[in-house]
Protein backbone atom coordinates (compact mmCIF):
# COMPACT_ATOMS: atom_id res chain seq x y z
CA UNK A 1 15.33 -22.20 9.81
CA UNK A 2 11.78 -22.86 8.68
CA UNK A 3 11.54 -23.39 4.93
CA UNK A 4 8.40 -21.59 3.73
CA UNK A 5 6.97 -21.83 0.22
CA UNK A 6 4.47 -19.35 -1.21
CA UNK A 7 2.09 -20.75 -3.82
CA UNK A 8 0.63 -17.75 -5.61
CA UNK A 9 2.64 -14.59 -6.14
CA UNK A 10 0.06 -11.86 -6.60
CA UNK A 11 -1.28 -9.13 -4.33
CA UNK A 12 -0.99 -11.14 -1.10
CA UNK A 13 1.64 -13.70 -2.09
CA UNK A 14 4.37 -11.24 -3.01
CA UNK A 15 3.85 -9.35 0.24
CA UNK A 16 3.98 -12.56 2.27
CA UNK A 17 7.14 -13.65 0.44
CA UNK A 18 8.84 -10.36 1.33
CA UNK A 19 7.69 -10.68 4.95
CA UNK A 20 8.97 -14.27 5.20
CA UNK A 21 12.33 -13.15 3.84
CA UNK A 22 12.56 -10.54 6.60
CA UNK A 23 12.08 -13.07 9.41
CA UNK A 24 15.20 -14.23 11.29
CA UNK A 25 13.88 -17.76 11.74
CA UNK A 26 12.51 -18.37 8.23
CA UNK A 27 13.84 -18.86 4.74
CA UNK A 28 11.80 -18.49 1.57
CA UNK A 29 11.88 -21.86 -0.18
CA UNK A 30 10.44 -20.25 -3.29
CA UNK A 31 7.32 -18.89 -4.90
CA UNK A 32 4.98 -20.37 -7.50
CA UNK A 33 3.41 -18.42 -10.33
CA UNK A 34 0.89 -19.40 -12.99
CA UNK A 35 2.20 -17.16 -15.77
CA UNK A 36 5.35 -15.25 -16.74
CA UNK A 37 4.25 -11.68 -16.07
CA UNK A 38 6.03 -8.72 -14.44
CA UNK A 39 5.56 -10.22 -10.97
CA UNK A 40 7.34 -13.41 -12.04
CA UNK A 41 10.20 -11.32 -13.44
CA UNK A 42 10.42 -9.35 -10.20
CA UNK A 43 10.49 -12.54 -8.12
CA UNK A 44 13.57 -13.68 -10.02
CA UNK A 45 15.17 -10.24 -9.66
CA UNK A 46 14.55 -10.50 -5.90
CA UNK A 47 16.45 -13.77 -5.87
CA UNK A 48 13.36 -15.82 -5.06
CA UNK A 49 13.38 -19.36 -6.53
CA UNK A 50 10.48 -19.36 -9.00
CA UNK A 51 8.35 -22.43 -9.67
CA UNK A 52 5.67 -23.03 -12.27
CA UNK A 53 2.29 -23.41 -10.56
CA UNK A 54 0.86 -25.09 -13.68
CA UNK A 55 3.31 -27.65 -15.14
CA UNK A 56 1.81 -27.37 -18.61
CA UNK A 57 2.81 -23.71 -18.73
CA UNK A 58 6.54 -24.27 -18.24
CA UNK A 59 7.20 -23.51 -21.94
CA UNK A 60 5.64 -20.06 -21.51
CA UNK A 61 8.28 -19.15 -18.92
CA UNK A 62 11.01 -20.48 -21.21
CA UNK A 63 9.69 -18.41 -24.12
CA UNK A 64 9.64 -15.32 -21.88
CA UNK A 65 13.23 -15.93 -20.83
CA UNK A 66 12.33 -16.39 -17.17
CA UNK A 67 14.35 -19.02 -15.34
CA UNK A 68 12.45 -21.58 -13.28
CA UNK A 69 13.66 -23.58 -10.30
CA UNK A 70 11.14 -26.31 -11.07
CA UNK A 71 7.45 -27.10 -10.81
CA UNK A 72 5.15 -26.47 -7.86
CA UNK A 73 5.39 -30.04 -6.52
CA UNK A 74 9.11 -29.53 -5.95
CA UNK A 75 8.36 -26.34 -4.01
CA UNK A 76 5.82 -28.10 -1.80
CA UNK A 77 8.25 -30.96 -1.21
CA UNK A 78 11.08 -28.68 -0.07
CA UNK A 79 8.85 -26.57 2.23
CA UNK A 80 8.12 -27.08 5.92
CA UNK A 81 4.98 -24.96 5.50
CA UNK A 82 3.28 -23.66 2.35
CA UNK A 83 1.36 -20.38 2.26
CA UNK A 84 -1.34 -20.74 -0.38
CA UNK A 85 -2.00 -17.25 -1.70
CA UNK A 86 -3.91 -18.30 -4.80
CA UNK A 87 -7.29 -16.83 -5.82
CA UNK A 88 -10.40 -17.92 -3.92
CA UNK A 89 -11.31 -21.52 -4.62
CA UNK A 90 -7.91 -22.55 -5.98
CA UNK A 91 -6.58 -23.24 -2.49
CA UNK A 92 -9.22 -25.91 -2.03
CA UNK A 93 -8.07 -27.54 -5.26
CA UNK A 94 -4.46 -27.48 -4.03
CA UNK A 95 -5.20 -29.19 -0.70
CA UNK A 96 -4.70 -32.66 -2.18
CA UNK A 97 -1.22 -31.64 -3.36
CA UNK A 98 -0.20 -30.51 0.12
CA UNK A 99 -1.57 -33.66 1.72
CA UNK A 100 0.29 -35.84 -0.78
CA UNK A 101 3.59 -34.33 0.37
CA UNK A 102 2.65 -34.16 4.06
CA UNK A 103 3.24 -30.39 4.04
CA UNK A 104 1.09 -28.19 6.32
CA UNK A 105 -0.64 -25.40 4.43
CA UNK A 106 -2.07 -21.97 5.15
CA UNK A 107 -4.97 -20.64 3.11
CA UNK A 108 -6.44 -17.17 2.71
CA UNK A 109 -9.82 -15.84 3.78
CA UNK A 110 -11.46 -16.48 0.42
CA UNK A 111 -11.51 -20.21 1.14
CA UNK A 112 -14.37 -21.79 3.09
CA UNK A 113 -13.86 -22.29 6.81
CA UNK A 114 -14.97 -25.91 6.38
CA UNK A 115 -11.83 -26.59 4.32
CA UNK A 116 -9.45 -26.23 7.26
CA UNK A 117 -8.75 -27.41 10.79
CA UNK A 118 -8.84 -23.88 12.20
CA UNK A 119 -9.37 -20.27 11.18
CA UNK A 120 -6.64 -17.97 12.48
CA UNK A 121 -6.00 -14.55 13.92
CA UNK A 122 -2.74 -14.15 15.82
CA UNK A 123 -4.07 -11.81 18.50
CA UNK A 124 -7.25 -13.79 19.13
CA UNK A 125 -6.74 -17.56 18.77
CA UNK A 126 -3.11 -18.39 17.98
CA UNK A 127 -3.16 -21.59 20.04
CA UNK A 128 -5.96 -23.15 17.99
CA UNK A 129 -3.65 -23.37 14.96
CA UNK A 130 -0.68 -24.95 16.75
CA UNK A 131 0.32 -28.19 15.06
CA UNK A 132 -2.57 -28.13 12.58
CA UNK A 133 -2.18 -29.28 8.99
CA UNK A 134 -4.61 -26.87 7.34
CA UNK A 135 -5.17 -23.35 8.68
CA UNK A 136 -7.07 -20.45 7.15
CA UNK A 137 -5.86 -16.90 7.78
CA UNK A 138 -9.15 -15.01 7.84
CA UNK A 139 -9.86 -12.20 5.37
CA UNK A 140 -8.65 -8.62 5.67
CA UNK A 141 -11.98 -7.41 7.06
CA UNK A 142 -12.31 -10.32 9.50
CA UNK A 143 -8.70 -9.79 10.59
CA UNK A 144 -9.45 -6.13 11.26
CA UNK A 145 -12.60 -6.87 13.25
CA UNK A 146 -10.91 -9.66 15.24
CA UNK A 147 -7.99 -7.46 16.22
CA UNK A 148 -10.42 -4.83 17.46
CA UNK A 149 -12.79 -7.18 19.26
CA UNK A 150 -10.14 -9.09 21.24
CA UNK A 151 -8.87 -6.29 23.55
CA UNK A 152 -12.34 -4.79 23.98
CA UNK A 153 -13.82 -8.15 24.98
CA UNK A 154 -10.95 -8.85 27.39
CA UNK A 155 -11.04 -5.43 29.04
CA UNK A 156 -14.70 -4.38 29.05
CA UNK A 157 -16.77 -7.33 27.84
CA UNK A 158 -19.06 -7.23 24.81
CA UNK A 159 -22.81 -7.63 24.57
CA UNK A 160 -22.96 -7.17 20.80
CA UNK A 161 -20.99 -5.84 17.84
CA UNK A 162 -22.63 -4.04 14.92
CA UNK A 163 -20.38 -3.12 12.01
CA UNK A 164 -21.02 -1.54 8.64
CA UNK A 165 -18.24 -2.30 6.20
CA UNK A 166 -17.70 0.24 3.44
CA UNK A 167 -15.65 -1.82 1.02
CA UNK A 168 -13.42 -0.68 -1.83
CA UNK A 169 -14.66 -1.67 -5.27
CA UNK A 170 -11.35 -3.31 -6.15
CA UNK A 171 -7.63 -3.17 -5.48
CA UNK A 172 -5.70 -0.50 -7.42
CA UNK A 173 -4.60 -3.05 -10.05
CA UNK A 174 -8.02 -4.69 -10.45
CA UNK A 175 -9.41 -2.68 -13.33
CA UNK A 176 -11.99 -5.39 -13.97
CA UNK A 177 -13.58 -4.75 -10.54
CA UNK A 178 -13.40 -1.02 -10.20
CA UNK A 179 -13.72 1.83 -10.07
CA UNK A 180 -17.47 1.62 -10.15
CA UNK A 181 -19.76 4.61 -10.47
CA UNK A 182 -22.15 3.34 -7.84
CA UNK A 183 -22.78 2.62 -4.17
CA UNK A 184 -23.91 -0.98 -3.80
CA UNK A 185 -25.33 -2.84 -0.82
CA UNK A 186 -23.10 -5.91 -0.90
CA UNK A 187 -24.92 -8.09 -0.13
CA UNK A 188 -28.44 -6.66 -0.04
CA UNK A 189 -29.54 -9.51 2.24
CA UNK A 190 -28.27 -9.44 5.83
CA UNK A 191 -25.89 -10.18 7.36
CA UNK A 192 -22.82 -9.89 5.18
CA UNK A 193 -20.47 -12.86 5.39
CA UNK A 194 -18.07 -11.00 7.66
CA UNK A 195 -20.05 -11.50 10.88
CA UNK A 196 -20.26 -15.29 10.52
CA UNK A 197 -16.57 -15.26 9.57
CA UNK A 198 -15.64 -13.40 12.77
CA UNK A 199 -17.52 -16.12 14.65
CA UNK A 200 -15.00 -18.68 13.35
CA UNK A 201 -12.58 -16.83 15.65
CA UNK A 202 -15.06 -15.83 18.40
CA UNK A 203 -17.77 -18.54 18.38
CA UNK A 204 -19.80 -16.96 21.19
CA UNK A 205 -19.68 -13.37 19.96
CA UNK A 206 -22.95 -11.64 19.07
CA UNK A 207 -22.18 -9.71 15.88
CA UNK A 208 -24.13 -8.30 12.94
CA UNK A 209 -22.41 -6.94 9.85
CA UNK A 210 -23.60 -5.05 6.78
CA UNK A 211 -21.63 -4.33 3.64
CA UNK A 212 -21.46 -1.58 1.03
CA UNK A 213 -19.24 -1.42 -2.05
CA UNK A 214 -18.06 2.02 -3.12
CA UNK A 215 -16.03 3.55 -5.99
CA UNK A 216 -12.64 3.51 -4.25
CA UNK A 217 -9.51 1.34 -4.33
CA UNK A 218 -7.44 2.36 -1.31
CA UNK A 219 -8.87 0.71 1.84
CA UNK A 220 -11.97 -0.66 3.45
CA UNK A 221 -13.57 1.53 6.15
CA UNK A 222 -15.55 0.14 9.10
CA UNK A 223 -18.18 1.99 11.09
CA UNK A 224 -18.27 0.03 14.35
CA UNK A 225 -20.73 0.09 17.26
CA UNK A 226 -19.99 -2.15 20.24
CA UNK A 227 -22.48 -2.57 23.09
CA UNK A 228 -20.20 -2.99 26.09
CA UNK A 229 -20.92 -5.32 28.98
CA UNK A 230 -19.05 -3.13 31.45
CA UNK A 231 -18.61 0.57 32.05
CA UNK A 232 -15.98 2.45 30.09
CA UNK A 233 -15.09 5.96 29.03
CA UNK A 234 -13.83 6.93 25.58
CA UNK A 235 -10.45 7.69 27.13
CA UNK A 236 -10.24 4.22 28.69
CA UNK A 237 -11.14 2.54 25.41
CA UNK A 238 -8.61 4.62 23.53
CA UNK A 239 -5.87 3.75 26.01
CA UNK A 240 -6.70 0.05 25.64
CA UNK A 241 -6.53 0.24 21.84
CA UNK A 242 -3.30 2.26 21.87
CA UNK A 243 -1.64 -0.55 23.81
CA UNK A 244 -2.21 -2.99 20.91
CA UNK A 245 0.73 -3.38 18.54
CA UNK A 246 -1.41 -3.95 15.45
CA UNK A 247 -3.84 -1.12 16.09
CA UNK A 248 -2.75 2.37 15.06
CA UNK A 249 -4.81 5.13 16.70
CA UNK A 250 -4.57 8.18 14.46
CA UNK A 251 -3.99 11.37 16.43
CA UNK A 252 -6.29 14.34 15.98
CA UNK A 253 -3.53 16.66 14.82
CA UNK A 254 -2.14 14.39 12.12
CA UNK A 255 -4.20 15.75 9.24
CA UNK A 256 -5.08 12.19 8.20
CA UNK A 257 -8.74 12.52 7.34
CA UNK A 258 -9.23 9.60 4.96
CA UNK A 259 -7.74 6.63 3.13
CA UNK A 260 -5.83 8.74 0.61
CA UNK A 261 -3.92 10.55 3.35
CA UNK A 262 -3.34 7.24 5.14
CA UNK A 263 -1.66 5.74 2.08
CA UNK A 264 0.45 8.86 1.63
CA UNK A 265 1.41 8.68 5.30
CA UNK A 266 2.48 5.03 4.91
CA UNK A 267 4.56 5.88 1.83
CA UNK A 268 6.22 8.79 3.63
CA UNK A 269 6.95 6.45 6.55
CA UNK A 270 8.88 4.18 4.17
CA UNK A 271 6.41 1.34 4.12
CA UNK A 272 6.94 -1.00 1.14
CA UNK A 273 4.14 -0.38 -1.39
CA UNK A 274 2.60 2.03 1.14
CA UNK A 275 1.28 -0.98 3.05
CA UNK A 276 -0.91 -0.61 6.13
CA UNK A 277 -0.30 -3.70 8.27
CA UNK A 278 -2.25 -2.27 11.21
CA UNK A 279 -5.90 -1.35 11.72
CA UNK A 280 -5.98 2.44 11.45
CA UNK A 281 -8.48 3.87 13.97
CA UNK A 282 -9.36 7.53 14.00
CA UNK A 283 -8.83 8.56 17.62
CA UNK A 284 -11.27 11.41 17.25
CA UNK A 285 -14.01 8.93 16.34
CA UNK A 286 -13.76 6.91 19.56
CA UNK A 287 -16.87 7.79 21.54
CA UNK A 288 -18.93 6.17 24.28
CA UNK A 289 -22.62 6.96 24.81
CA UNK A 290 -24.05 5.01 27.73
CA UNK A 291 -22.87 1.45 27.14
CA UNK A 292 -22.32 1.94 23.40
CA UNK A 293 -18.87 2.42 21.89
CA UNK A 294 -18.50 3.95 18.41
CA UNK A 295 -15.48 4.33 16.14
CA UNK A 296 -14.22 4.36 12.55
CA UNK A 297 -11.30 2.26 11.34
CA UNK A 298 -9.56 1.78 7.99
CA UNK A 299 -8.33 -1.63 6.88
CA UNK A 300 -5.52 -2.08 4.35
CA UNK A 301 -7.03 -4.85 2.26
CA UNK A 302 -3.75 -5.67 0.50
CA UNK A 303 -1.62 -5.94 3.60
CA UNK A 304 -3.20 -6.42 7.04
CA UNK A 305 -3.20 -10.23 6.67
CA UNK A 306 0.54 -10.33 5.88
CA UNK A 307 1.83 -10.41 9.49
CA UNK A 308 -0.95 -12.87 10.31
CA UNK A 309 0.38 -15.30 7.70
CA UNK A 310 3.85 -15.06 9.21
CA UNK A 311 2.51 -15.83 12.68
CA UNK A 312 0.41 -18.69 11.33
CA UNK A 313 3.56 -20.29 9.91
CA UNK A 314 5.05 -20.42 13.40
CA UNK A 315 1.78 -21.67 14.86
CA UNK A 316 1.46 -24.68 12.56
CA UNK A 317 5.19 -25.39 12.92
CA UNK A 318 4.88 -25.16 16.72
CA UNK A 319 7.99 -23.03 17.09
CA UNK A 320 6.67 -20.05 19.12
CA UNK A 321 3.80 -19.00 21.35
CA UNK A 322 1.56 -16.11 20.33
CA UNK A 323 3.32 -13.34 22.25
CA UNK A 324 6.78 -14.36 21.04
CA UNK A 325 5.73 -14.78 17.43
CA UNK A 326 3.83 -11.49 17.23
CA UNK A 327 6.78 -9.62 18.71
CA UNK A 328 9.24 -11.28 16.30
CA UNK A 329 7.04 -10.55 13.30
CA UNK A 330 6.48 -6.95 14.33
CA UNK A 331 10.19 -6.32 14.90
CA UNK A 332 11.23 -7.91 11.61
CA UNK A 333 8.70 -5.94 9.58
CA UNK A 334 9.17 -2.66 11.43
CA UNK A 335 5.57 -2.62 12.62
CA UNK A 336 4.28 0.51 14.29
CA UNK A 337 4.05 4.13 13.17
């Protein structure tokens, strides 16, 4: 059993911890938290060994009556792989800690690509992370674009991708970031960082991305145009996308017209926290005009990277190939609507 530690138990970390616990070949070594809030209390209630991410704050946990299993160094030492789910920039500061214990580490998309040995998307470049010490699971938007690009490139070929990313102002709990009463080009200068980030997975891909920030908290939405290298019909593209386990093509009769309905659908389907692990592509939007493909997809910013982190654990540990790992992760989580 792989012993996996999760350093950072917030929006992403708590979801990854739950996903690790569900895997038949992994055991959660514990989670690390900076402060004794409701998430720390819930971790203990879940039976997760809780470690103090900042040693100087141990007394705060004691004062709050929250039992600790130790400090973060002990978690790193007992782990075969650590998933760093700390805020952007903190992962880079933690790299020295992981190196000191000889523990391979995964980082999230907010860290710079230069920090790691490889950027990772399970569907697109699993093998590049095998046996690496430092791997970055790319951001939610980059994950969504990479999952979409891979089967289209393989089946039809791609001349160029153009994507406009309509991004939520903040997560539901991030009151400091949203809602905003505005529509903001983000950034105003082009391209947005997402295109260059996709190129860490597909170095030879021609891609331009633009970003907008809007007053919403539920998902990101992508408007995608792909100039195809080969001939294809909308039906052929749709069939290709429907064959992908982490792409959910929304049927025309579903009544799912936007992100709000998608979240309600996920909750009704029994998904924990209403999480959307898959890209959600509106089937009705898939259209081909000449050599140009168009579609809309929604990206669950809190959750689509969760299965990718699980697969990245197996990649750095060298225990499975891509196909086997993706299938195991999907089955354990109950992926697929």
